[in-house]
Amino acid sequence: MSKYKKESSSSDEEDDYKESSPVSSDDRRDASNDMGRHLFGCEKTSDIILQITQVADDPFKLYCHKTCLEANSPYLKSKIEDLLNIRDQHESIDESKPILILNDLERYDKRIITRVIKYMHDHHAIKFDNPILCLEDCITIFKIATLFGMEQMAARAKTVLMDHHVIDSHNFFQYYILAKSYALDQILDELKRLIGQLPEYTIHTSSHLMKMSEFMLMDFITEMSNVDGSTVNVCMSVLAWCRVNVLDVKKLRKVLSNLCESMRNEEQVKNTPFGLVFPVWKLFLKDEVSLSDEAFLCMYHSLLGSSLSY
């Protein structure tokens, strides 16, 4: 399990850091498919209600069938068993349909949640063989399938991400966050291959970059800084992240120190606008060099301004 899954979240991307349930086989899912096709969404024939909380909206309900949910998702099977055990222990509970409240999906699109739950009842609800899924929807399906322990569905969503969507400057960090959060080494390897080929001064404007944690940024520096042709995009991305996320000089020193130490290909750096900046930063970032925060910031902004006007 990726270390990022344990971090708290404050954004949609940060939800990727939560612990997801172990992925398990979908072998039993076909048994419930034909029966469930006509049961999903029917209040009269359903035997369980999912009540799903949302951050920016009121909770919504989905009328489902326990057999379909349990056959497709080990995660939901465990939740349902716990709910029914509690009901059995409290004889005073009325005979109405059990309501399973799900709080783990609150940041996901209601439309996609509904499609995934419907897929458990009817596998025609999502077309993987002829994918018309946009990138955002495909990523959300992958995340929910992983949380629910739907191994085959997660694998199919991953295939669509790899085979039917092009990684480019606009979605680079969207893929990077996904790859790091879910330990998708195949996607990470593709990102390492591509970063040196993408046009310079392009990926650092991504809103997904700004939402990355400091730990993930440090890994990005370590993994990408020595790929041929990546220097400008890596440096610009780190500096853009610092402008949004760094509020104290101590953290700025830490990030820049890691950046300078990771850039080992000096010849590659010399041929970029950062050729002047790095030697000076390396000098003043050494522990034995005493430079006040004010002086460091002055030096930082002066060198940065002159390098970018190069």
C-alpha atoms as a PDB file:
ATOM      1  CA  MET A   1       0.000   0.000   0.000  1.00  0.00           C
ATOM      2  CA  SER A   2       1.335   3.409  -0.937  1.00  0.00           C
ATOM      3  CA  LYS A   3       2.446   5.630   1.944  1.00  0.00           C
ATOM      4  CA  TYR A   4       0.385   8.484   0.545  1.00  0.00           C
ATOM      5  CA  LYS A   5      -2.875   6.688   1.263  1.00  0.00           C
ATOM      6  CA  LYS A   6      -2.457   7.433   4.959  1.00  0.00           C
ATOM      7  CA  GLU A   7      -2.341  11.202   4.667  1.00  0.00           C
ATOM      8  CA  SER A   8      -5.344  13.301   5.612  1.00  0.00           C
ATOM      9  CA  SER A   9      -7.205  14.984   2.795  1.00  0.00           C
ATOM     10  CA  SER A  10      -8.444  18.485   2.113  1.00  0.00           C
ATOM     11  CA  SER A  11      -9.137  18.180  -1.585  1.00  0.00           C
ATOM     12  CA  ASP A  12     -10.453  15.732  -4.102  1.00  0.00           C
ATOM     13  CA  GLU A  13      -6.945  14.550  -4.973  1.00  0.00           C
ATOM     14  CA  GLU A  14      -6.019  14.190  -1.299  1.00  0.00           C
ATOM     15  CA  ASP A  15      -8.757  11.609  -0.897  1.00  0.00           C
ATOM     16  CA  ASP A  16      -6.359   9.365  -2.766  1.00  0.00           C
ATOM     17  CA  TYR A  17      -4.291   9.147   0.414  1.00  0.00           C
ATOM     18  CA  LYS A  18      -6.926   7.425   2.475  1.00  0.00           C
ATOM     19  CA  GLU A  19      -6.554   3.711   3.229  1.00  0.00           C
ATOM     20  CA  SER A  20      -8.547   1.714   0.728  1.00  0.00           C
ATOM     21  CA  SER A  21      -9.819  -1.755   1.444  1.00  0.00           C
ATOM     22  CA  PRO A  22      -7.847  -4.746   0.135  1.00  0.00           C
ATOM     23  CA  VAL A  23      -8.572  -5.498  -3.499  1.00  0.00           C
ATOM     24  CA  SER A  24     -10.278  -8.804  -4.020  1.00  0.00           C
ATOM     25  CA  SER A  25     -11.664 -10.997  -6.828  1.00  0.00           C
ATOM     26  CA  ASP A  26     -14.883 -10.261  -8.715  1.00  0.00           C
ATOM     27  CA  ASP A  27     -15.424 -13.911  -9.618  1.00  0.00           C
ATOM     28  CA  ARG A  28     -18.865 -14.049  -8.035  1.00  0.00           C
ATOM     29  CA  ARG A  29     -20.223 -10.921  -9.680  1.00  0.00           C
ATOM     30  CA  ASP A  30     -21.756 -12.573 -12.771  1.00  0.00           C
ATOM     31  CA  ALA A  31     -24.125 -14.632 -10.651  1.00  0.00           C
ATOM     32  CA  SER A  32     -26.000 -11.545  -9.557  1.00  0.00           C
ATOM     33  CA  ASN A  33     -25.892  -9.572 -12.797  1.00  0.00           C
ATOM     34  CA  ASP A  34     -28.973 -10.824 -14.636  1.00  0.00           C
ATOM     35  CA  MET A  35     -31.121 -10.784 -11.515  1.00  0.00           C
ATOM     36  CA  GLY A  36     -29.904  -7.379 -10.390  1.00  0.00           C
ATOM     37  CA  ARG A  37     -30.470  -5.617 -13.707  1.00  0.00           C
ATOM     38  CA  HIS A  38     -34.147  -5.110 -12.897  1.00  0.00           C
ATOM     39  CA  LEU A  39     -33.698  -4.527  -9.170  1.00  0.00           C
ATOM     40  CA  PHE A  40     -31.431  -1.489  -9.096  1.00  0.00           C
ATOM     41  CA  GLY A  41     -33.235   1.742  -8.369  1.00  0.00           C
ATOM     42  CA  CYS A  42     -36.561   0.066  -7.654  1.00  0.00           C
ATOM     43  CA  GLU A  43     -37.829   1.079  -4.238  1.00  0.00           C
ATOM     44  CA  LYS A  44     -40.424  -1.682  -4.190  1.00  0.00           C
ATOM     45  CA  THR A  45     -38.195  -4.668  -5.021  1.00  0.00           C
ATOM     46  CA  SER A  46     -34.964  -3.511  -3.347  1.00  0.00           C
ATOM     47  CA  ASP A  47     -33.977  -5.000  -0.012  1.00  0.00           C
ATOM     48  CA  ILE A  48     -31.353  -2.463   1.099  1.00  0.00           C
ATOM     49  CA  ILE A  49     -30.847   1.283   0.753  1.00  0.00           C
ATOM     50  CA  LEU A  50     -27.468   2.947   0.370  1.00  0.00           C
ATOM     51  CA  GLN A  51     -27.408   6.460   1.794  1.00  0.00           C
ATOM     52  CA  ILE A  52     -24.347   8.269   0.471  1.00  0.00           C
ATOM     53  CA  THR A  53     -23.102  11.498   2.009  1.00  0.00           C
ATOM     54  CA  GLN A  54     -21.748  14.329  -0.144  1.00  0.00           C
ATOM     55  CA  VAL A  55     -19.535  17.266   0.788  1.00  0.00           C
ATOM     56  CA  ALA A  56     -21.211  19.871  -1.393  1.00  0.00           C
ATOM     57  CA  ASP A  57     -24.724  18.440  -1.517  1.00  0.00           C
ATOM     58  CA  ASP A  58     -27.359  16.614   0.487  1.00  0.00           C
ATOM     59  CA  PRO A  59     -27.040  12.850   0.995  1.00  0.00           C
ATOM     60  CA  PHE A  60     -28.686  10.746  -1.684  1.00  0.00           C
ATOM     61  CA  LYS A  61     -30.166   7.260  -1.635  1.00  0.00           C
ATOM     62  CA  LEU A  62     -29.770   4.311  -3.976  1.00  0.00           C
ATOM     63  CA  TYR A  63     -32.194   1.384  -3.849  1.00  0.00           C
ATOM     64  CA  CYS A  64     -30.204  -1.831  -4.206  1.00  0.00           C
ATOM     65  CA  HIS A  65     -30.170  -5.568  -3.671  1.00  0.00           C
ATOM     66  CA  LYS A  66     -27.904  -7.106  -1.037  1.00  0.00           C
ATOM     67  CA  THR A  67     -27.013 -10.119  -3.184  1.00  0.00           C
ATOM     68  CA  CYS A  68     -25.629  -7.914  -5.957  1.00  0.00           C
ATOM     69  CA  LEU A  69     -23.642  -5.698  -3.615  1.00  0.00           C
ATOM     70  CA  GLU A  70     -22.176  -8.588  -1.630  1.00  0.00           C
ATOM     71  CA  ALA A  71     -21.277 -10.599  -4.733  1.00  0.00           C
ATOM     72  CA  ASN A  72     -19.349  -7.696  -6.256  1.00  0.00           C
ATOM     73  CA  SER A  73     -17.733  -5.896  -3.330  1.00  0.00           C
ATOM     74  CA  PRO A  74     -16.000  -7.420  -0.287  1.00  0.00           C
ATOM     75  CA  TYR A  75     -16.014  -3.922   1.218  1.00  0.00           C
ATOM     76  CA  LEU A  76     -19.793  -3.561   0.975  1.00  0.00           C
ATOM     77  CA  LYS A  77     -20.309  -7.181   2.023  1.00  0.00           C
ATOM     78  CA  SER A  78     -18.488  -6.483   5.289  1.00  0.00           C
ATOM     79  CA  LYS A  79     -20.427  -3.257   5.838  1.00  0.00           C
ATOM     80  CA  ILE A  80     -23.754  -4.985   5.208  1.00  0.00           C
ATOM     81  CA  GLU A  81     -22.925  -7.853   7.570  1.00  0.00           C
ATOM     82  CA  ASP A  82     -22.031  -5.385  10.327  1.00  0.00           C
ATOM     83  CA  LEU A  83     -25.246  -3.452   9.756  1.00  0.00           C
ATOM     84  CA  LEU A  84     -27.419  -6.565   9.876  1.00  0.00           C
ATOM     85  CA  ASN A  85     -25.673  -7.789  13.029  1.00  0.00           C
ATOM     86  CA  ILE A  86     -26.453  -4.497  14.737  1.00  0.00           C
ATOM     87  CA  ARG A  87     -30.085  -4.727  13.656  1.00  0.00           C
ATOM     88  CA  ASP A  88     -30.323  -8.276  14.998  1.00  0.00           C
ATOM     89  CA  GLN A  89     -28.983  -7.136  18.363  1.00  0.00           C
ATOM     90  CA  HIS A  90     -31.637  -4.443  18.670  1.00  0.00           C
ATOM     91  CA  GLU A  91     -35.032  -6.080  18.501  1.00  0.00           C
ATOM     92  CA  SER A  92     -36.713  -2.695  18.778  1.00  0.00           C
ATOM     93  CA  ILE A  93     -35.585  -1.736  15.291  1.00  0.00           C
ATOM     94  CA  ASP A  94     -38.529  -1.687  12.899  1.00  0.00           C
ATOM     95  CA  GLU A  95     -38.921  -4.018   9.957  1.00  0.00           C
ATOM     96  CA  SER A  96     -38.164  -1.410   7.308  1.00  0.00           C
ATOM     97  CA  LYS A  97     -35.366  -1.950   4.811  1.00  0.00           C
ATOM     98  CA  PRO A  98     -31.860  -1.583   6.249  1.00  0.00           C
ATOM     99  CA  ILE A  99     -30.120   1.678   5.375  1.00  0.00           C
ATOM    100  CA  LEU A 100     -26.349   1.495   4.931  1.00  0.00           C
ATOM    101  CA  ILE A 101     -24.754   4.921   5.319  1.00  0.00           C
ATOM    102  CA  LEU A 102     -21.543   5.392   3.311  1.00  0.00           C
ATOM    103  CA  ASN A 103     -19.306   8.319   4.266  1.00  0.00           C
ATOM    104  CA  ASP A 104     -16.253   7.287   2.221  1.00  0.00           C
ATOM    105  CA  LEU A 105     -17.609   8.577  -1.087  1.00  0.00           C
ATOM    106  CA  GLU A 106     -18.443  12.113  -0.047  1.00  0.00           C
ATOM    107  CA  ARG A 107     -15.999  13.785  -2.458  1.00  0.00           C
ATOM    108  CA  TYR A 108     -16.812  11.712  -5.500  1.00  0.00           C
ATOM    109  CA  ASP A 109     -19.223  12.653  -8.276  1.00  0.00           C
ATOM    110  CA  LYS A 110     -22.761  11.482  -7.505  1.00  0.00           C
ATOM    111  CA  ARG A 111     -23.231  10.516 -11.149  1.00  0.00           C
ATOM    112  CA  ILE A 112     -20.202   8.181 -11.155  1.00  0.00           C
ATOM    113  CA  ILE A 113     -21.048   6.664  -7.768  1.00  0.00           C
ATOM    114  CA  THR A 114     -24.478   5.779  -9.118  1.00  0.00           C
ATOM    115  CA  ARG A 115     -22.982   4.191 -12.241  1.00  0.00           C
ATOM    116  CA  VAL A 116     -20.583   2.035 -10.209  1.00  0.00           C
ATOM    117  CA  ILE A 117     -23.360   0.837  -7.889  1.00  0.00           C
ATOM    118  CA  LYS A 118     -25.592   0.196 -10.891  1.00  0.00           C
ATOM    119  CA  TYR A 119     -22.737  -1.759 -12.502  1.00  0.00           C
ATOM    120  CA  MET A 120     -22.934  -4.216  -9.595  1.00  0.00           C
ATOM    121  CA  HIS A 121     -26.511  -4.929 -10.656  1.00  0.00           C
ATOM    122  CA  ASP A 122     -26.050  -4.558 -14.418  1.00  0.00           C
ATOM    123  CA  HIS A 123     -22.650  -4.809 -16.082  1.00  0.00           C
ATOM    124  CA  HIS A 124     -23.918  -2.893 -19.093  1.00  0.00           C
ATOM    125  CA  ALA A 125     -23.977   0.266 -16.960  1.00  0.00           C
ATOM    126  CA  ILE A 126     -20.336   1.030 -17.797  1.00  0.00           C
ATOM    127  CA  LYS A 127     -18.907   0.261 -21.229  1.00  0.00           C
ATOM    128  CA  PHE A 128     -15.245  -0.714 -20.899  1.00  0.00           C
ATOM    129  CA  ASP A 129     -14.925  -2.539 -24.226  1.00  0.00           C
ATOM    130  CA  ASN A 130     -15.836   0.572 -26.206  1.00  0.00           C
ATOM    131  CA  PRO A 131     -14.687   3.268 -23.787  1.00  0.00           C
ATOM    132  CA  ILE A 132     -16.182   6.719 -24.058  1.00  0.00           C
ATOM    133  CA  LEU A 133     -15.225   7.633 -20.509  1.00  0.00           C
ATOM    134  CA  CYS A 134     -13.534  10.978 -19.966  1.00  0.00           C
ATOM    135  CA  LEU A 135     -10.345  11.021 -17.914  1.00  0.00           C
ATOM    136  CA  GLU A 136     -11.981  12.382 -14.746  1.00  0.00           C
ATOM    137  CA  ASP A 137     -14.731   9.764 -14.824  1.00  0.00           C
ATOM    138  CA  CYS A 138     -12.297   6.928 -15.468  1.00  0.00           C
ATOM    139  CA  ILE A 139     -10.085   7.971 -12.549  1.00  0.00           C
ATOM    140  CA  THR A 140     -13.108   8.203 -10.250  1.00  0.00           C
ATOM    141  CA  ILE A 141     -14.293   4.747 -11.315  1.00  0.00           C
ATOM    142  CA  PHE A 142     -10.827   3.358 -10.585  1.00  0.00           C
ATOM    143  CA  LYS A 143     -10.767   4.935  -7.115  1.00  0.00           C
ATOM    144  CA  ILE A 144     -14.228   3.705  -6.149  1.00  0.00           C
ATOM    145  CA  ALA A 145     -13.556   0.221  -7.521  1.00  0.00           C
ATOM    146  CA  THR A 146     -10.341   0.047  -5.505  1.00  0.00           C
ATOM    147  CA  LEU A 147     -12.119   1.179  -2.345  1.00  0.00           C
ATOM    148  CA  PHE A 148     -14.862  -1.395  -2.889  1.00  0.00           C
ATOM    149  CA  GLY A 149     -12.356  -4.190  -3.539  1.00  0.00           C
ATOM    150  CA  MET A 150     -13.539  -4.720  -7.122  1.00  0.00           C
ATOM    151  CA  GLU A 151     -10.301  -5.974  -8.623  1.00  0.00           C
ATOM    152  CA  GLN A 152     -11.504  -6.637 -12.150  1.00  0.00           C
ATOM    153  CA  MET A 153     -13.297  -3.314 -12.480  1.00  0.00           C
ATOM    154  CA  ALA A 154     -10.248  -1.416 -11.202  1.00  0.00           C
ATOM    155  CA  ALA A 155      -8.041  -3.281 -13.690  1.00  0.00           C
ATOM    156  CA  ARG A 156     -10.345  -2.434 -16.586  1.00  0.00           C
ATOM    157  CA  ALA A 157     -10.432   1.236 -15.602  1.00  0.00           C
ATOM    158  CA  LYS A 158      -6.632   1.235 -15.405  1.00  0.00           C
ATOM    159  CA  THR A 159      -6.437  -0.264 -18.900  1.00  0.00           C
ATOM    160  CA  VAL A 160      -8.635   2.523 -20.246  1.00  0.00           C
ATOM    161  CA  LEU A 161      -6.397   5.087 -18.523  1.00  0.00           C
ATOM    162  CA  MET A 162      -3.309   3.609 -20.155  1.00  0.00           C
ATOM    163  CA  ASP A 163      -4.659   2.740 -23.602  1.00  0.00           C
ATOM    164  CA  HIS A 164      -7.333   5.304 -24.404  1.00  0.00           C
ATOM    165  CA  HIS A 165      -6.109   8.533 -22.801  1.00  0.00           C
ATOM    166  CA  VAL A 166      -2.956  10.445 -23.723  1.00  0.00           C
ATOM    167  CA  ILE A 167      -0.713  11.748 -20.950  1.00  0.00           C
ATOM    168  CA  ASP A 168       0.144  15.356 -21.748  1.00  0.00           C
ATOM    169  CA  SER A 169       1.183  18.628 -20.096  1.00  0.00           C
ATOM    170  CA  HIS A 170      -2.347  19.317 -18.862  1.00  0.00           C
ATOM    171  CA  ASN A 171      -2.972  16.011 -17.073  1.00  0.00           C
ATOM    172  CA  PHE A 172       0.595  15.006 -16.150  1.00  0.00           C
ATOM    173  CA  PHE A 173       0.171  15.678 -12.419  1.00  0.00           C
ATOM    174  CA  GLN A 174      -3.299  14.176 -12.392  1.00  0.00           C
ATOM    175  CA  TYR A 175      -1.717  10.907 -13.503  1.00  0.00           C
ATOM    176  CA  TYR A 176       1.247  11.381 -11.155  1.00  0.00           C
ATOM    177  CA  ILE A 177      -0.950  11.779  -8.069  1.00  0.00           C
ATOM    178  CA  LEU A 178      -2.955   8.706  -9.069  1.00  0.00           C
ATOM    179  CA  ALA A 179       0.172   6.625  -9.707  1.00  0.00           C
ATOM    180  CA  LYS A 180       1.770   7.560  -6.375  1.00  0.00           C
ATOM    181  CA  SER A 181      -1.420   7.194  -4.353  1.00  0.00           C
ATOM    182  CA  TYR A 182      -2.222   3.719  -5.675  1.00  0.00           C
ATOM    183  CA  ALA A 183       1.306   2.421  -6.396  1.00  0.00           C
ATOM    184  CA  LEU A 184       0.687   2.169 -10.155  1.00  0.00           C
ATOM    185  CA  ASP A 185       4.257   1.561 -11.270  1.00  0.00           C
ATOM    186  CA  GLN A 186       3.368   1.135 -14.937  1.00  0.00           C
ATOM    187  CA  ILE A 187       1.881   4.631 -15.098  1.00  0.00           C
ATOM    188  CA  LEU A 188       4.773   6.064 -13.072  1.00  0.00           C
ATOM    189  CA  ASP A 189       7.295   4.573 -15.498  1.00  0.00           C
ATOM    190  CA  GLU A 190       5.413   6.125 -18.406  1.00  0.00           C
ATOM    191  CA  LEU A 191       5.473   9.519 -16.675  1.00  0.00           C
ATOM    192  CA  LYS A 192       9.235   9.249 -16.170  1.00  0.00           C
ATOM    193  CA  ARG A 193       9.633   8.479 -19.845  1.00  0.00           C
ATOM    194  CA  LEU A 194       7.466  11.386 -20.938  1.00  0.00           C
ATOM    195  CA  ILE A 195       8.565  14.261 -18.709  1.00  0.00           C
ATOM    196  CA  GLY A 196      11.714  14.884 -20.734  1.00  0.00           C
ATOM    197  CA  GLN A 197       9.709  14.923 -23.964  1.00  0.00           C
ATOM    198  CA  LEU A 198       6.984  17.369 -22.942  1.00  0.00           C
ATOM    199  CA  PRO A 199       7.382  21.004 -24.048  1.00  0.00           C
ATOM    200  CA  GLU A 200       9.227  23.159 -21.517  1.00  0.00           C
ATOM    201  CA  TYR A 201       7.317  25.647 -19.353  1.00  0.00           C
ATOM    202  CA  THR A 202       4.059  23.708 -19.686  1.00  0.00           C
ATOM    203  CA  ILE A 203       3.270  21.363 -16.786  1.00  0.00           C
ATOM    204  CA  HIS A 204       3.839  23.789 -13.882  1.00  0.00           C
ATOM    205  CA  THR A 205       0.473  25.563 -14.303  1.00  0.00           C
ATOM    206  CA  SER A 206      -1.532  22.466 -13.340  1.00  0.00           C
ATOM    207  CA  SER A 207      -3.984  22.907 -10.468  1.00  0.00           C
ATOM    208  CA  HIS A 208      -3.303  19.284  -9.503  1.00  0.00           C
ATOM    209  CA  LEU A 209       0.355  20.140  -8.879  1.00  0.00           C
ATOM    210  CA  MET A 210      -0.645  22.796  -6.347  1.00  0.00           C
ATOM    211  CA  LYS A 211      -2.637  20.240  -4.336  1.00  0.00           C
ATOM    212  CA  MET A 212       0.255  17.810  -3.918  1.00  0.00           C
ATOM    213  CA  SER A 213       1.637  17.251  -0.432  1.00  0.00           C
ATOM    214  CA  GLU A 214       5.216  18.159   0.445  1.00  0.00           C
ATOM    215  CA  PHE A 215       6.116  14.468   0.680  1.00  0.00           C
ATOM    216  CA  MET A 216       4.797  13.784  -2.792  1.00  0.00           C
ATOM    217  CA  LEU A 217       6.614  16.813  -4.188  1.00  0.00           C
ATOM    218  CA  MET A 218       9.878  15.548  -2.701  1.00  0.00           C
ATOM    219  CA  ASP A 219       9.354  12.199  -4.414  1.00  0.00           C
ATOM    220  CA  PHE A 220       8.585  13.988  -7.673  1.00  0.00           C
ATOM    221  CA  ILE A 221      11.914  15.824  -7.411  1.00  0.00           C
ATOM    222  CA  THR A 222      13.841  12.628  -6.682  1.00  0.00           C
ATOM    223  CA  GLU A 223      12.180  10.585  -9.421  1.00  0.00           C
ATOM    224  CA  MET A 224      12.075  13.121 -12.238  1.00  0.00           C
ATOM    225  CA  SER A 225      15.017  15.503 -11.812  1.00  0.00           C
ATOM    226  CA  ASN A 226      17.601  13.430 -13.686  1.00  0.00           C
ATOM    227  CA  VAL A 227      15.507  12.382 -16.654  1.00  0.00           C
ATOM    228  CA  ASP A 228      17.085  13.808 -19.803  1.00  0.00           C
ATOM    229  CA  GLY A 229      15.351  17.009 -20.834  1.00  0.00           C
ATOM    230  CA  SER A 230      13.318  17.332 -17.635  1.00  0.00           C
ATOM    231  CA  THR A 231      15.261  20.105 -15.853  1.00  0.00           C
ATOM    232  CA  VAL A 232      13.110  23.091 -16.803  1.00  0.00           C
ATOM    233  CA  ASN A 233       9.775  21.365 -16.210  1.00  0.00           C
ATOM    234  CA  VAL A 234      10.906  19.957 -12.862  1.00  0.00           C
ATOM    235  CA  CYS A 235      12.323  23.276 -11.641  1.00  0.00           C
ATOM    236  CA  MET A 236       9.342  25.309 -12.810  1.00  0.00           C
ATOM    237  CA  SER A 237       6.952  22.839 -11.177  1.00  0.00           C
ATOM    238  CA  VAL A 238       8.792  22.966  -7.853  1.00  0.00           C
ATOM    239  CA  LEU A 239       8.931  26.766  -7.861  1.00  0.00           C
ATOM    240  CA  ALA A 240       5.244  27.028  -8.781  1.00  0.00           C
ATOM    241  CA  TRP A 241       4.368  24.663  -5.932  1.00  0.00           C
ATOM    242  CA  CYS A 242       6.461  26.711  -3.500  1.00  0.00           C
ATOM    243  CA  ARG A 243       4.700  29.947  -4.440  1.00  0.00           C
ATOM    244  CA  VAL A 244       1.350  28.445  -3.467  1.00  0.00           C
ATOM    245  CA  ASN A 245       2.243  26.114  -0.593  1.00  0.00           C
ATOM    246  CA  VAL A 246       5.329  27.471   1.185  1.00  0.00           C
ATOM    247  CA  LEU A 247       4.671  30.011   3.925  1.00  0.00           C
ATOM    248  CA  ASP A 248       7.962  29.859   5.814  1.00  0.00           C
ATOM    249  CA  VAL A 249      11.604  30.102   4.824  1.00  0.00           C
ATOM    250  CA  LYS A 250      12.544  26.873   6.594  1.00  0.00           C
ATOM    251  CA  LYS A 251      10.331  24.819   4.294  1.00  0.00           C
ATOM    252  CA  LEU A 252      11.569  26.758   1.260  1.00  0.00           C
ATOM    253  CA  ARG A 253      15.170  25.953   2.180  1.00  0.00           C
ATOM    254  CA  LYS A 254      14.254  22.280   2.610  1.00  0.00           C
ATOM    255  CA  VAL A 255      12.551  22.012  -0.789  1.00  0.00           C
ATOM    256  CA  LEU A 256      15.283  23.901  -2.642  1.00  0.00           C
ATOM    257  CA  SER A 257      17.988  21.882  -0.933  1.00  0.00           C
ATOM    258  CA  ASN A 258      16.376  18.651  -2.116  1.00  0.00           C
ATOM    259  CA  LEU A 259      15.998  20.091  -5.610  1.00  0.00           C
ATOM    260  CA  CYS A 260      19.655  21.130  -5.820  1.00  0.00           C
ATOM    261  CA  GLU A 261      20.922  17.830  -4.437  1.00  0.00           C
ATOM    262  CA  SER A 262      18.779  15.835  -6.856  1.00  0.00           C
ATOM    263  CA  MET A 263      19.964  17.699  -9.959  1.00  0.00           C
ATOM    264  CA  ARG A 264      23.148  15.689 -10.471  1.00  0.00           C
ATOM    265  CA  ASN A 265      23.518  16.254 -14.205  1.00  0.00           C
ATOM    266  CA  GLU A 266      25.329  19.600 -14.078  1.00  0.00           C
ATOM    267  CA  GLU A 267      25.812  19.783 -17.838  1.00  0.00           C
ATOM    268  CA  GLN A 268      22.088  19.463 -18.365  1.00  0.00           C
ATOM    269  CA  VAL A 269      21.395  22.207 -15.815  1.00  0.00           C
ATOM    270  CA  LYS A 270      23.952  24.572 -17.395  1.00  0.00           C
ATOM    271  CA  ASN A 271      21.998  24.618 -20.626  1.00  0.00           C
ATOM    272  CA  THR A 272      18.851  25.937 -18.919  1.00  0.00           C
ATOM    273  CA  PRO A 273      17.916  29.309 -17.374  1.00  0.00           C
ATOM    274  CA  PHE A 274      18.728  27.737 -13.992  1.00  0.00           C
ATOM    275  CA  GLY A 275      22.415  27.310 -14.792  1.00  0.00           C
ATOM    276  CA  LEU A 276      23.276  30.450 -12.797  1.00  0.00           C
ATOM    277  CA  VAL A 277      20.880  29.816  -9.929  1.00  0.00           C
ATOM    278  CA  PHE A 278      21.823  26.324  -8.836  1.00  0.00           C
ATOM    279  CA  PRO A 279      25.514  26.850  -7.948  1.00  0.00           C
ATOM    280  CA  VAL A 280      24.621  29.845  -5.762  1.00  0.00           C
ATOM    281  CA  TRP A 281      21.691  28.118  -4.105  1.00  0.00           C
ATOM    282  CA  LYS A 282      23.861  25.092  -3.378  1.00  0.00           C
ATOM    283  CA  LEU A 283      26.426  27.346  -1.718  1.00  0.00           C
ATOM    284  CA  PHE A 284      23.977  29.182   0.518  1.00  0.00           C
ATOM    285  CA  LEU A 285      21.905  26.129   1.375  1.00  0.00           C
ATOM    286  CA  LYS A 286      24.826  24.398   3.081  1.00  0.00           C
ATOM    287  CA  ASP A 287      24.419  23.923   6.825  1.00  0.00           C
ATOM    288  CA  GLU A 288      27.669  25.688   7.630  1.00  0.00           C
ATOM    289  CA  VAL A 289      26.638  28.842   5.770  1.00  0.00           C
ATOM    290  CA  SER A 290      24.783  31.202   8.070  1.00  0.00           C
ATOM    291  CA  LEU A 291      22.367  33.382   6.137  1.00  0.00           C
ATOM    292  CA  SER A 292      19.401  35.133   7.724  1.00  0.00           C
ATOM    293  CA  ASP A 293      15.929  34.379   6.436  1.00  0.00           C
ATOM    294  CA  GLU A 294      15.624  37.904   5.058  1.00  0.00           C
ATOM    295  CA  ALA A 295      18.944  37.676   3.230  1.00  0.00           C
ATOM    296  CA  PHE A 296      18.107  34.221   1.895  1.00  0.00           C
ATOM    297  CA  LEU A 297      14.755  35.394   0.530  1.00  0.00           C
ATOM    298  CA  CYS A 298      16.372  38.426  -1.078  1.00  0.00           C
ATOM    299  CA  MET A 299      18.988  36.213  -2.729  1.00  0.00           C
ATOM    300  CA  TYR A 300      16.345  33.670  -3.762  1.00  0.00           C
ATOM    301  CA  HIS A 301      14.049  36.176  -5.473  1.00  0.00           C
ATOM    302  CA  SER A 302      16.902  38.090  -7.094  1.00  0.00           C
ATOM    303  CA  LEU A 303      18.470  35.007  -8.634  1.00  0.00           C
ATOM    304  CA  LEU A 304      15.118  33.571  -9.618  1.00  0.00           C
ATOM    305  CA  GLY A 305      14.077  36.765 -11.355  1.00  0.00           C
ATOM    306  CA  SER A 306      17.318  37.054 -13.281  1.00  0.00           C
ATOM    307  CA  SER A 307      17.279  33.406 -14.343  1.00  0.00           C
ATOM    308  CA  LEU A 308      13.715  33.487 -15.645  1.00  0.00           C
ATOM    309  CA  SER A 309      14.393  36.626 -17.661  1.00  0.00           C
ATOM    310  CA  TYR A 310      17.331  34.824 -19.257  1.00  0.00           C
END
